[in-house]
Amino acid sequence: MGIFRKYRLLYAVPILDELIKWLEENSYKVLPKSTIGKAIAYALNIYDNLNRYVLNGKFEIDNNNIENVVRPLALGRKNYLFAGSHNAAENIARMYSFFCFL
């Protein structure tokens, strides 16, 4: 058993067990269409996937690394709106694609 898996089983499982208990208890105390109701429903729906993080040391608990990679692409798309013309936006997109993947 890998050290990360052992660590996660020892420390993360009790926290996740407490989290699911809290989510289940509080899901009936809030309105389903409220912000917290939607958040609780979402967490309950993905709970099984979250538990996979404990069993496999390759899985990260968050997706920050992926979001940091995608963020410049999203910002670039926003900037293309103000390029001046359709051709200018296409040129910017082409240049951006060269620099993004180097």
PDB file of N, CA and C in Angstrom:
ATOM      1  N   MET A   1       0.860  -1.178   0.000  1.00  0.00           N
ATOM      2  CA  MET A   1       0.000   0.000   0.000  1.00  0.00           C
ATOM      3  C   MET A   1       0.900   1.233   0.000  1.00  0.00           C
ATOM      4  N   GLY A   2       0.617   2.164  -0.910  1.00  0.00           N
ATOM      5  CA  GLY A   2       1.403   3.379  -1.006  1.00  0.00           C
ATOM      6  C   GLY A   2       1.209   4.278   0.196  1.00  0.00           C
ATOM      7  N   ILE A   3       2.184   5.108   0.425  1.00  0.00           N
ATOM      8  CA  ILE A   3       2.134   6.004   1.581  1.00  0.00           C
ATOM      9  C   ILE A   3       0.978   6.996   1.482  1.00  0.00           C
ATOM     10  N   PHE A   4       0.675   7.467   0.253  1.00  0.00           N
ATOM     11  CA  PHE A   4      -0.426   8.417   0.101  1.00  0.00           C
ATOM     12  C   PHE A   4      -1.764   7.751   0.395  1.00  0.00           C
ATOM     13  N   ARG A   5      -1.917   6.522  -0.063  1.00  0.00           N
ATOM     14  CA  ARG A   5      -3.177   5.815   0.192  1.00  0.00           C
ATOM     15  C   ARG A   5      -3.338   5.558   1.683  1.00  0.00           C
ATOM     16  N   LYS A   6      -2.262   5.140   2.329  1.00  0.00           N
ATOM     17  CA  LYS A   6      -2.315   4.878   3.772  1.00  0.00           C
ATOM     18  C   LYS A   6      -2.673   6.161   4.529  1.00  0.00           C
ATOM     19  N   TYR A   7      -2.045   7.257   4.145  1.00  0.00           N
ATOM     20  CA  TYR A   7      -2.309   8.548   4.790  1.00  0.00           C
ATOM     21  C   TYR A   7      -3.761   8.965   4.585  1.00  0.00           C
ATOM     22  N   ARG A   8      -4.241   8.800   3.343  1.00  0.00           N
ATOM     23  CA  ARG A   8      -5.629   9.189   3.058  1.00  0.00           C
ATOM     24  C   ARG A   8      -6.619   8.315   3.814  1.00  0.00           C
ATOM     25  N   LEU A   9      -6.344   7.023   3.885  1.00  0.00           N
ATOM     26  CA  LEU A   9      -7.241   6.134   4.631  1.00  0.00           C
ATOM     27  C   LEU A   9      -7.258   6.491   6.111  1.00  0.00           C
ATOM     28  N   LEU A  10      -6.111   6.861   6.628  1.00  0.00           N
ATOM     29  CA  LEU A  10      -6.007   7.181   8.046  1.00  0.00           C
ATOM     30  C   LEU A  10      -6.644   8.525   8.388  1.00  0.00           C
ATOM     31  N   TYR A  11      -6.448   9.534   7.526  1.00  0.00           N
ATOM     32  CA  TYR A  11      -6.895  10.883   7.873  1.00  0.00           C
ATOM     33  C   TYR A  11      -8.098  11.384   7.070  1.00  0.00           C
ATOM     34  N   ALA A  12      -8.196  11.027   5.811  1.00  0.00           N
ATOM     35  CA  ALA A  12      -9.271  11.574   4.982  1.00  0.00           C
ATOM     36  C   ALA A  12     -10.596  10.849   5.180  1.00  0.00           C
ATOM     37  N   VAL A  13     -10.553   9.546   5.372  1.00  0.00           N
ATOM     38  CA  VAL A  13     -11.804   8.783   5.503  1.00  0.00           C
ATOM     39  C   VAL A  13     -12.653   9.286   6.666  1.00  0.00           C
ATOM     40  N   PRO A  14     -12.099   9.503   7.869  1.00  0.00           N
ATOM     41  CA  PRO A  14     -12.954  10.030   8.948  1.00  0.00           C
ATOM     42  C   PRO A  14     -13.561  11.398   8.614  1.00  0.00           C
ATOM     43  N   ILE A  15     -12.806  12.237   7.934  1.00  0.00           N
ATOM     44  CA  ILE A  15     -13.325  13.556   7.560  1.00  0.00           C
ATOM     45  C   ILE A  15     -14.450  13.411   6.538  1.00  0.00           C
ATOM     46  N   LEU A  16     -14.245  12.537   5.547  1.00  0.00           N
ATOM     47  CA  LEU A  16     -15.287  12.327   4.536  1.00  0.00           C
ATOM     48  C   LEU A  16     -16.524  11.679   5.149  1.00  0.00           C
ATOM     49  N   ASP A  17     -16.336  10.766   6.102  1.00  0.00           N
ATOM     50  CA  ASP A  17     -17.485  10.158   6.785  1.00  0.00           C
ATOM     51  C   ASP A  17     -18.282  11.213   7.551  1.00  0.00           C
ATOM     52  N   GLU A  18     -17.576  12.115   8.204  1.00  0.00           N
ATOM     53  CA  GLU A  18     -18.247  13.192   8.931  1.00  0.00           C
ATOM     54  C   GLU A  18     -18.961  14.132   7.959  1.00  0.00           C
ATOM     55  N   LEU A  19     -18.328  14.391   6.822  1.00  0.00           N
ATOM     56  CA  LEU A  19     -18.925  15.267   5.812  1.00  0.00           C
ATOM     57  C   LEU A  19     -20.223  14.677   5.270  1.00  0.00           C
ATOM     58  N   ILE A  20     -20.224  13.400   4.903  1.00  0.00           N
ATOM     59  CA  ILE A  20     -21.444  12.795   4.341  1.00  0.00           C
ATOM     60  C   ILE A  20     -22.560  12.771   5.381  1.00  0.00           C
ATOM     61  N   LYS A  21     -22.193  12.531   6.625  1.00  0.00           N
ATOM     62  CA  LYS A  21     -23.197  12.532   7.697  1.00  0.00           C
ATOM     63  C   LYS A  21     -23.825  13.921   7.813  1.00  0.00           C
ATOM     64  N   TRP A  22     -22.982  14.973   7.784  1.00  0.00           N
ATOM     65  CA  TRP A  22     -23.487  16.345   7.886  1.00  0.00           C
ATOM     66  C   TRP A  22     -24.362  16.690   6.686  1.00  0.00           C
ATOM     67  N   LEU A  23     -23.913  16.303   5.491  1.00  0.00           N
ATOM     68  CA  LEU A  23     -24.677  16.593   4.279  1.00  0.00           C
ATOM     69  C   LEU A  23     -26.055  15.933   4.333  1.00  0.00           C
ATOM     70  N   GLU A  24     -26.088  14.671   4.730  1.00  0.00           N
ATOM     71  CA  GLU A  24     -27.364  13.953   4.783  1.00  0.00           C
ATOM     72  C   GLU A  24     -28.293  14.538   5.834  1.00  0.00           C
ATOM     73  N   GLU A  25     -27.739  14.903   7.007  1.00  0.00           N
ATOM     74  CA  GLU A  25     -28.571  15.492   8.066  1.00  0.00           C
ATOM     75  C   GLU A  25     -29.142  16.849   7.661  1.00  0.00           C
ATOM     76  N   ASN A  26     -28.331  17.646   6.992  1.00  0.00           N
ATOM     77  CA  ASN A  26     -28.746  19.008   6.677  1.00  0.00           C
ATOM     78  C   ASN A  26     -29.491  19.134   5.353  1.00  0.00           C
ATOM     79  N   SER A  27     -29.492  18.098   4.542  1.00  0.00           N
ATOM     80  CA  SER A  27     -30.193  18.193   3.262  1.00  0.00           C
ATOM     81  C   SER A  27     -31.693  18.374   3.450  1.00  0.00           C
ATOM     82  N   TYR A  28     -32.220  17.923   4.583  1.00  0.00           N
ATOM     83  CA  TYR A  28     -33.657  18.049   4.844  1.00  0.00           C
ATOM     84  C   TYR A  28     -34.012  19.329   5.588  1.00  0.00           C
ATOM     85  N   LYS A  29     -32.988  20.071   6.017  1.00  0.00           N
ATOM     86  CA  LYS A  29     -33.218  21.284   6.795  1.00  0.00           C
ATOM     87  C   LYS A  29     -33.195  22.555   5.956  1.00  0.00           C
ATOM     88  N   VAL A  30     -32.842  22.417   4.682  1.00  0.00           N
ATOM     89  CA  VAL A  30     -32.745  23.594   3.814  1.00  0.00           C
ATOM     90  C   VAL A  30     -33.663  23.419   2.607  1.00  0.00           C
ATOM     91  N   LEU A  31     -33.995  24.535   1.991  1.00  0.00           N
ATOM     92  CA  LEU A  31     -34.808  24.472   0.781  1.00  0.00           C
ATOM     93  C   LEU A  31     -33.962  23.938  -0.373  1.00  0.00           C
ATOM     94  N   PRO A  32     -34.476  22.995  -1.145  1.00  0.00           N
ATOM     95  CA  PRO A  32     -33.689  22.394  -2.227  1.00  0.00           C
ATOM     96  C   PRO A  32     -33.227  23.399  -3.281  1.00  0.00           C
ATOM     97  N   LYS A  33     -33.998  24.452  -3.514  1.00  0.00           N
ATOM     98  CA  LYS A  33     -33.624  25.426  -4.554  1.00  0.00           C
ATOM     99  C   LYS A  33     -32.777  26.570  -4.022  1.00  0.00           C
ATOM    100  N   SER A  34     -32.494  26.567  -2.716  1.00  0.00           N
ATOM    101  CA  SER A  34     -31.623  27.606  -2.160  1.00  0.00           C
ATOM    102  C   SER A  34     -30.182  27.305  -2.562  1.00  0.00           C
ATOM    103  N   THR A  35     -29.315  28.277  -2.382  1.00  0.00           N
ATOM    104  CA  THR A  35     -27.914  28.094  -2.752  1.00  0.00           C
ATOM    105  C   THR A  35     -27.284  26.949  -1.964  1.00  0.00           C
ATOM    106  N   ILE A  36     -27.525  26.912  -0.652  1.00  0.00           N
ATOM    107  CA  ILE A  36     -26.942  25.837   0.164  1.00  0.00           C
ATOM    108  C   ILE A  36     -27.607  24.501  -0.165  1.00  0.00           C
ATOM    109  N   GLY A  37     -28.889  24.533  -0.493  1.00  0.00           N
ATOM    110  CA  GLY A  37     -29.577  23.294  -0.887  1.00  0.00           C
ATOM    111  C   GLY A  37     -28.991  22.711  -2.162  1.00  0.00           C
ATOM    112  N   LYS A  38     -28.701  23.584  -3.133  1.00  0.00           N
ATOM    113  CA  LYS A  38     -28.080  23.128  -4.381  1.00  0.00           C
ATOM    114  C   LYS A  38     -26.674  22.600  -4.124  1.00  0.00           C
ATOM    115  N   ALA A  39     -25.932  23.282  -3.245  1.00  0.00           N
ATOM    116  CA  ALA A  39     -24.565  22.850  -2.937  1.00  0.00           C
ATOM    117  C   ALA A  39     -24.573  21.487  -2.247  1.00  0.00           C
ATOM    118  N   ILE A  40     -25.489  21.288  -1.332  1.00  0.00           N
ATOM    119  CA  ILE A  40     -25.582  19.994  -0.633  1.00  0.00           C
ATOM    120  C   ILE A  40     -25.977  18.903  -1.611  1.00  0.00           C
ATOM    121  N   ALA A  41     -26.940  19.172  -2.473  1.00  0.00           N
ATOM    122  CA  ALA A  41     -27.360  18.172  -3.465  1.00  0.00           C
ATOM    123  C   ALA A  41     -26.200  17.813  -4.392  1.00  0.00           C
ATOM    124  N   TYR A  42     -25.446  18.810  -4.816  1.00  0.00           N
ATOM    125  CA  TYR A  42     -24.290  18.564  -5.679  1.00  0.00           C
ATOM    126  C   TYR A  42     -23.261  17.692  -4.965  1.00  0.00           C
ATOM    127  N   ALA A  43     -22.952  18.038  -3.722  1.00  0.00           N
ATOM    128  CA  ALA A  43     -21.964  17.269  -2.955  1.00  0.00           C
ATOM    129  C   ALA A  43     -22.425  15.826  -2.758  1.00  0.00           C
ATOM    130  N   LEU A  44     -23.706  15.636  -2.489  1.00  0.00           N
ATOM    131  CA  LEU A  44     -24.224  14.271  -2.329  1.00  0.00           C
ATOM    132  C   LEU A  44     -24.141  13.491  -3.637  1.00  0.00           C
ATOM    133  N   ASN A  45     -24.373  14.174  -4.754  1.00  0.00           N
ATOM    134  CA  ASN A  45     -24.321  13.504  -6.060  1.00  0.00           C
ATOM    135  C   ASN A  45     -22.916  13.077  -6.449  1.00  0.00           C
ATOM    136  N   ILE A  46     -21.907  13.833  -6.033  1.00  0.00           N
ATOM    137  CA  ILE A  46     -20.534  13.493  -6.425  1.00  0.00           C
ATOM    138  C   ILE A  46     -19.759  12.791  -5.309  1.00  0.00           C
ATOM    139  N   TYR A  47     -20.424  12.454  -4.228  1.00  0.00           N
ATOM    140  CA  TYR A  47     -19.724  11.892  -3.071  1.00  0.00           C
ATOM    141  C   TYR A  47     -18.975  10.604  -3.418  1.00  0.00           C
ATOM    142  N   ASP A  48     -19.572   9.732  -4.216  1.00  0.00           N
ATOM    143  CA  ASP A  48     -18.898   8.485  -4.589  1.00  0.00           C
ATOM    144  C   ASP A  48     -17.611   8.767  -5.359  1.00  0.00           C
ATOM    145  N   ASN A  49     -17.649   9.743  -6.242  1.00  0.00           N
ATOM    146  CA  ASN A  49     -16.444  10.121  -6.976  1.00  0.00           C
ATOM    147  C   ASN A  49     -15.387  10.694  -6.036  1.00  0.00           C
ATOM    148  N   LEU A  50     -15.814  11.465  -5.063  1.00  0.00           N
ATOM    149  CA  LEU A  50     -14.882  12.021  -4.094  1.00  0.00           C
ATOM    150  C   LEU A  50     -14.210  10.916  -3.290  1.00  0.00           C
ATOM    151  N   ASN A  51     -14.946   9.874  -2.986  1.00  0.00           N
ATOM    152  CA  ASN A  51     -14.384   8.746  -2.243  1.00  0.00           C
ATOM    153  C   ASN A  51     -13.305   8.017  -3.028  1.00  0.00           C
ATOM    154  N   ARG A  52     -13.347   8.077  -4.338  1.00  0.00           N
ATOM    155  CA  ARG A  52     -12.313   7.423  -5.149  1.00  0.00           C
ATOM    156  C   ARG A  52     -10.946   8.031  -4.899  1.00  0.00           C
ATOM    157  N   TYR A  53     -10.924   9.289  -4.527  1.00  0.00           N
ATOM    158  CA  TYR A  53      -9.674   9.973  -4.221  1.00  0.00           C
ATOM    159  C   TYR A  53      -8.923   9.257  -3.095  1.00  0.00           C
ATOM    160  N   VAL A  54      -9.664   8.674  -2.166  1.00  0.00           N
ATOM    161  CA  VAL A  54      -9.050   7.994  -1.036  1.00  0.00           C
ATOM    162  C   VAL A  54      -8.358   6.708  -1.480  1.00  0.00           C
ATOM    163  N   LEU A  55      -8.948   6.018  -2.427  1.00  0.00           N
ATOM    164  CA  LEU A  55      -8.452   4.699  -2.812  1.00  0.00           C
ATOM    165  C   LEU A  55      -7.305   4.727  -3.808  1.00  0.00           C
ATOM    166  N   ASN A  56      -7.158   5.820  -4.532  1.00  0.00           N
ATOM    167  CA  ASN A  56      -6.126   5.888  -5.556  1.00  0.00           C
ATOM    168  C   ASN A  56      -5.254   7.121  -5.317  1.00  0.00           C
ATOM    169  N   GLY A  57      -3.992   6.897  -5.024  1.00  0.00           N
ATOM    170  CA  GLY A  57      -3.078   7.984  -4.732  1.00  0.00           C
ATOM    171  C   GLY A  57      -2.786   8.894  -5.908  1.00  0.00           C
ATOM    172  N   LYS A  58      -3.156   8.472  -7.122  1.00  0.00           N
ATOM    173  CA  LYS A  58      -2.933   9.307  -8.306  1.00  0.00           C
ATOM    174  C   LYS A  58      -3.966  10.418  -8.423  1.00  0.00           C
ATOM    175  N   PHE A  59      -5.125  10.237  -7.789  1.00  0.00           N
ATOM    176  CA  PHE A  59      -6.192  11.228  -7.887  1.00  0.00           C
ATOM    177  C   PHE A  59      -5.914  12.388  -6.947  1.00  0.00           C
ATOM    178  N   GLU A  60      -6.168  13.588  -7.432  1.00  0.00           N
ATOM    179  CA  GLU A  60      -6.081  14.782  -6.603  1.00  0.00           C
ATOM    180  C   GLU A  60      -7.470  15.076  -6.049  1.00  0.00           C
ATOM    181  N   ILE A  61      -7.526  15.720  -4.904  1.00  0.00           N
ATOM    182  CA  ILE A  61      -8.825  16.042  -4.314  1.00  0.00           C
ATOM    183  C   ILE A  61      -9.457  17.252  -4.991  1.00  0.00           C
ATOM    184  N   ASP A  62      -8.658  18.044  -5.683  1.00  0.00           N
ATOM    185  CA  ASP A  62      -9.199  19.195  -6.392  1.00  0.00           C
ATOM    186  C   ASP A  62      -8.674  19.209  -7.824  1.00  0.00           C
ATOM    187  N   ASN A  63      -9.155  20.134  -8.610  1.00  0.00           N
ATOM    188  CA  ASN A  63      -8.727  20.228 -10.002  1.00  0.00           C
ATOM    189  C   ASN A  63      -8.056  21.573 -10.300  1.00  0.00           C
ATOM    190  N   ASN A  64      -7.385  22.129  -9.307  1.00  0.00           N
ATOM    191  CA  ASN A  64      -6.742  23.441  -9.466  1.00  0.00           C
ATOM    192  C   ASN A  64      -5.717  23.448 -10.589  1.00  0.00           C
ATOM    193  N   ASN A  65      -4.935  22.382 -10.729  1.00  0.00           N
ATOM    194  CA  ASN A  65      -3.918  22.354 -11.783  1.00  0.00           C
ATOM    195  C   ASN A  65      -4.550  22.471 -13.164  1.00  0.00           C
ATOM    196  N   ILE A  66      -5.633  21.764 -13.391  1.00  0.00           N
ATOM    197  CA  ILE A  66      -6.323  21.815 -14.684  1.00  0.00           C
ATOM    198  C   ILE A  66      -6.930  23.203 -14.898  1.00  0.00           C
ATOM    199  N   GLU A  67      -7.541  23.742 -13.863  1.00  0.00           N
ATOM    200  CA  GLU A  67      -8.142  25.073 -14.004  1.00  0.00           C
ATOM    201  C   GLU A  67      -7.088  26.128 -14.332  1.00  0.00           C
ATOM    202  N   ASN A  68      -5.907  26.010 -13.745  1.00  0.00           N
ATOM    203  CA  ASN A  68      -4.840  26.970 -14.040  1.00  0.00           C
ATOM    204  C   ASN A  68      -4.365  26.858 -15.483  1.00  0.00           C
ATOM    205  N   VAL A  69      -4.437  25.659 -16.067  1.00  0.00           N
ATOM    206  CA  VAL A  69      -4.052  25.477 -17.462  1.00  0.00           C
ATOM    207  C   VAL A  69      -5.110  26.068 -18.396  1.00  0.00           C
ATOM    208  N   VAL A  70      -6.365  25.921 -18.042  1.00  0.00           N
ATOM    209  CA  VAL A  70      -7.468  26.350 -18.911  1.00  0.00           C
ATOM    210  C   VAL A  70      -7.743  27.854 -18.800  1.00  0.00           C
ATOM    211  N   ARG A  71      -7.404  28.457 -17.681  1.00  0.00           N
ATOM    212  CA  ARG A  71      -7.725  29.872 -17.450  1.00  0.00           C
ATOM    213  C   ARG A  71      -7.219  30.800 -18.555  1.00  0.00           C
ATOM    214  N   PRO A  72      -5.972  30.669 -19.007  1.00  0.00           N
ATOM    215  CA  PRO A  72      -5.523  31.577 -20.082  1.00  0.00           C
ATOM    216  C   PRO A  72      -6.348  31.433 -21.358  1.00  0.00           C
ATOM    217  N   LEU A  73      -6.819  30.230 -21.643  1.00  0.00           N
ATOM    218  CA  LEU A  73      -7.654  30.045 -22.834  1.00  0.00           C
ATOM    219  C   LEU A  73      -8.965  30.799 -22.702  1.00  0.00           C
ATOM    220  N   ALA A  74      -9.556  30.729 -21.524  1.00  0.00           N
ATOM    221  CA  ALA A  74     -10.822  31.433 -21.303  1.00  0.00           C
ATOM    222  C   ALA A  74     -10.620  32.948 -21.377  1.00  0.00           C
ATOM    223  N   LEU A  75      -9.540  33.436 -20.806  1.00  0.00           N
ATOM    224  CA  LEU A  75      -9.262  34.876 -20.871  1.00  0.00           C
ATOM    225  C   LEU A  75      -9.007  35.313 -22.309  1.00  0.00           C
ATOM    226  N   GLY A  76      -8.305  34.484 -23.072  1.00  0.00           N
ATOM    227  CA  GLY A  76      -8.047  34.797 -24.469  1.00  0.00           C
ATOM    228  C   GLY A  76      -9.336  34.907 -25.256  1.00  0.00           C
ATOM    229  N   ARG A  77     -10.259  33.987 -25.020  1.00  0.00           N
ATOM    230  CA  ARG A  77     -11.553  34.025 -25.716  1.00  0.00           C
ATOM    231  C   ARG A  77     -12.269  35.335 -25.436  1.00  0.00           C
ATOM    232  N   LYS A  78     -12.208  35.777 -24.191  1.00  0.00           N
ATOM    233  CA  LYS A  78     -12.845  37.039 -23.831  1.00  0.00           C
ATOM    234  C   LYS A  78     -12.198  38.214 -24.563  1.00  0.00           C
ATOM    235  N   ASN A  79     -10.877  38.172 -24.667  1.00  0.00           N
ATOM    236  CA  ASN A  79     -10.157  39.264 -25.327  1.00  0.00           C
ATOM    237  C   ASN A  79     -10.437  39.311 -26.822  1.00  0.00           C
ATOM    238  N   TYR A  80     -10.751  38.198 -27.448  1.00  0.00           N
ATOM    239  CA  TYR A  80     -11.009  38.174 -28.885  1.00  0.00           C
ATOM    240  C   TYR A  80     -12.257  38.983 -29.236  1.00  0.00           C
ATOM    241  N   LEU A  81     -13.146  39.156 -28.270  1.00  0.00           N
ATOM    242  CA  LEU A  81     -14.366  39.924 -28.523  1.00  0.00           C
ATOM    243  C   LEU A  81     -14.051  41.378 -28.876  1.00  0.00           C
ATOM    244  N   PHE A  82     -12.906  41.876 -28.408  1.00  0.00           N
ATOM    245  CA  PHE A  82     -12.564  43.280 -28.599  1.00  0.00           C
ATOM    246  C   PHE A  82     -11.388  43.449 -29.552  1.00  0.00           C
ATOM    247  N   ALA A  83     -11.251  42.554 -30.497  1.00  0.00           N
ATOM    248  CA  ALA A  83     -10.118  42.578 -31.419  1.00  0.00           C
ATOM    249  C   ALA A  83     -10.290  43.621 -32.519  1.00  0.00           C
ATOM    250  N   GLY A  84     -11.474  44.122 -32.734  1.00  0.00           N
ATOM    251  CA  GLY A  84     -11.698  45.143 -33.754  1.00  0.00           C
ATOM    252  C   GLY A  84     -12.442  44.611 -34.960  1.00  0.00           C
ATOM    253  N   SER A  85     -12.104  43.404 -35.399  1.00  0.00           N
ATOM    254  CA  SER A  85     -12.804  42.804 -36.532  1.00  0.00           C
ATOM    255  C   SER A  85     -12.677  41.292 -36.432  1.00  0.00           C
ATOM    256  N   HIS A  86     -13.447  40.620 -37.242  1.00  0.00           N
ATOM    257  CA  HIS A  86     -13.417  39.168 -37.237  1.00  0.00           C
ATOM    258  C   HIS A  86     -12.042  38.644 -37.666  1.00  0.00           C
ATOM    259  N   ASN A  87     -11.463  39.242 -38.695  1.00  0.00           N
ATOM    260  CA  ASN A  87     -10.135  38.817 -39.155  1.00  0.00           C
ATOM    261  C   ASN A  87      -9.070  39.034 -38.083  1.00  0.00           C
ATOM    262  N   ALA A  88      -9.139  40.155 -37.395  1.00  0.00           N
ATOM    263  CA  ALA A  88      -8.171  40.431 -36.331  1.00  0.00           C
ATOM    264  C   ALA A  88      -8.305  39.403 -35.207  1.00  0.00           C
ATOM    265  N   ALA A  89      -9.526  39.051 -34.877  1.00  0.00           N
ATOM    266  CA  ALA A  89      -9.758  38.048 -33.828  1.00  0.00           C
ATOM    267  C   ALA A  89      -9.195  36.697 -34.244  1.00  0.00           C
ATOM    268  N   GLU A  90      -9.379  36.327 -35.520  1.00  0.00           N
ATOM    269  CA  GLU A  90      -8.818  35.061 -36.001  1.00  0.00           C
ATOM    270  C   GLU A  90      -7.297  35.076 -35.934  1.00  0.00           C
ATOM    271  N   ASN A  91      -6.687  36.198 -36.313  1.00  0.00           N
ATOM    272  CA  ASN A  91      -5.230  36.309 -36.247  1.00  0.00           C
ATOM    273  C   ASN A  91      -4.729  36.203 -34.812  1.00  0.00           C
ATOM    274  N   ILE A  92      -5.403  36.878 -33.900  1.00  0.00           N
ATOM    275  CA  ILE A  92      -5.018  36.804 -32.487  1.00  0.00           C
ATOM    276  C   ILE A  92      -5.145  35.362 -31.993  1.00  0.00           C
ATOM    277  N   ALA A  93      -6.234  34.698 -32.363  1.00  0.00           N
ATOM    278  CA  ALA A  93      -6.451  33.308 -31.939  1.00  0.00           C
ATOM    279  C   ALA A  93      -5.350  32.398 -32.468  1.00  0.00           C
ATOM    280  N   ARG A  94      -4.950  32.599 -33.712  1.00  0.00           N
ATOM    281  CA  ARG A  94      -3.866  31.780 -34.279  1.00  0.00           C
ATOM    282  C   ARG A  94      -2.566  31.989 -33.505  1.00  0.00           C
ATOM    283  N   MET A  95      -2.213  33.240 -33.283  1.00  0.00           N
ATOM    284  CA  MET A  95      -0.979  33.535 -32.558  1.00  0.00           C
ATOM    285  C   MET A  95      -1.045  32.998 -31.130  1.00  0.00           C
ATOM    286  N   TYR A  96      -2.182  33.154 -30.538  1.00  0.00           N
ATOM    287  CA  TYR A  96      -2.369  32.684 -29.158  1.00  0.00           C
ATOM    288  C   TYR A  96      -2.200  31.177 -29.076  1.00  0.00           C
ATOM    289  N   SER A  97      -2.702  30.457 -30.080  1.00  0.00           N
ATOM    290  CA  SER A  97      -2.585  28.991 -30.064  1.00  0.00           C
ATOM    291  C   SER A  97      -1.135  28.561 -30.171  1.00  0.00           C
ATOM    292  N   PHE A  98      -0.311  29.322 -30.890  1.00  0.00           N
ATOM    293  CA  PHE A  98       1.122  28.982 -30.981  1.00  0.00           C
ATOM    294  C   PHE A  98       1.783  29.117 -29.612  1.00  0.00           C
ATOM    295  N   PHE A  99       1.497  30.213 -28.921  1.00  0.00           N
ATOM    296  CA  PHE A  99       2.176  30.492 -27.671  1.00  0.00           C
ATOM    297  C   PHE A  99       1.643  29.667 -26.506  1.00  0.00           C
ATOM    298  N   CYS A 100       0.394  29.287 -26.585  1.00  0.00           N
ATOM    299  CA  CYS A 100      -0.238  28.553 -25.494  1.00  0.00           C
ATOM    300  C   CYS A 100       0.325  27.137 -25.352  1.00  0.00           C
ATOM    301  N   PHE A 101       0.683  26.520 -26.439  1.00  0.00           N
ATOM    302  CA  PHE A 101       1.042  25.106 -26.384  1.00  0.00           C
ATOM    303  C   PHE A 101       2.531  24.865 -26.564  1.00  0.00           C
ATOM    304  N   LEU A 102       3.332  25.897 -26.430  1.00  0.00           N
ATOM    305  CA  LEU A 102       4.779  25.718 -26.507  1.00  0.00           C
ATOM    306  C   LEU A 102       5.351  25.309 -25.180  1.00  0.00           C
TER     307      LEU A 102
END
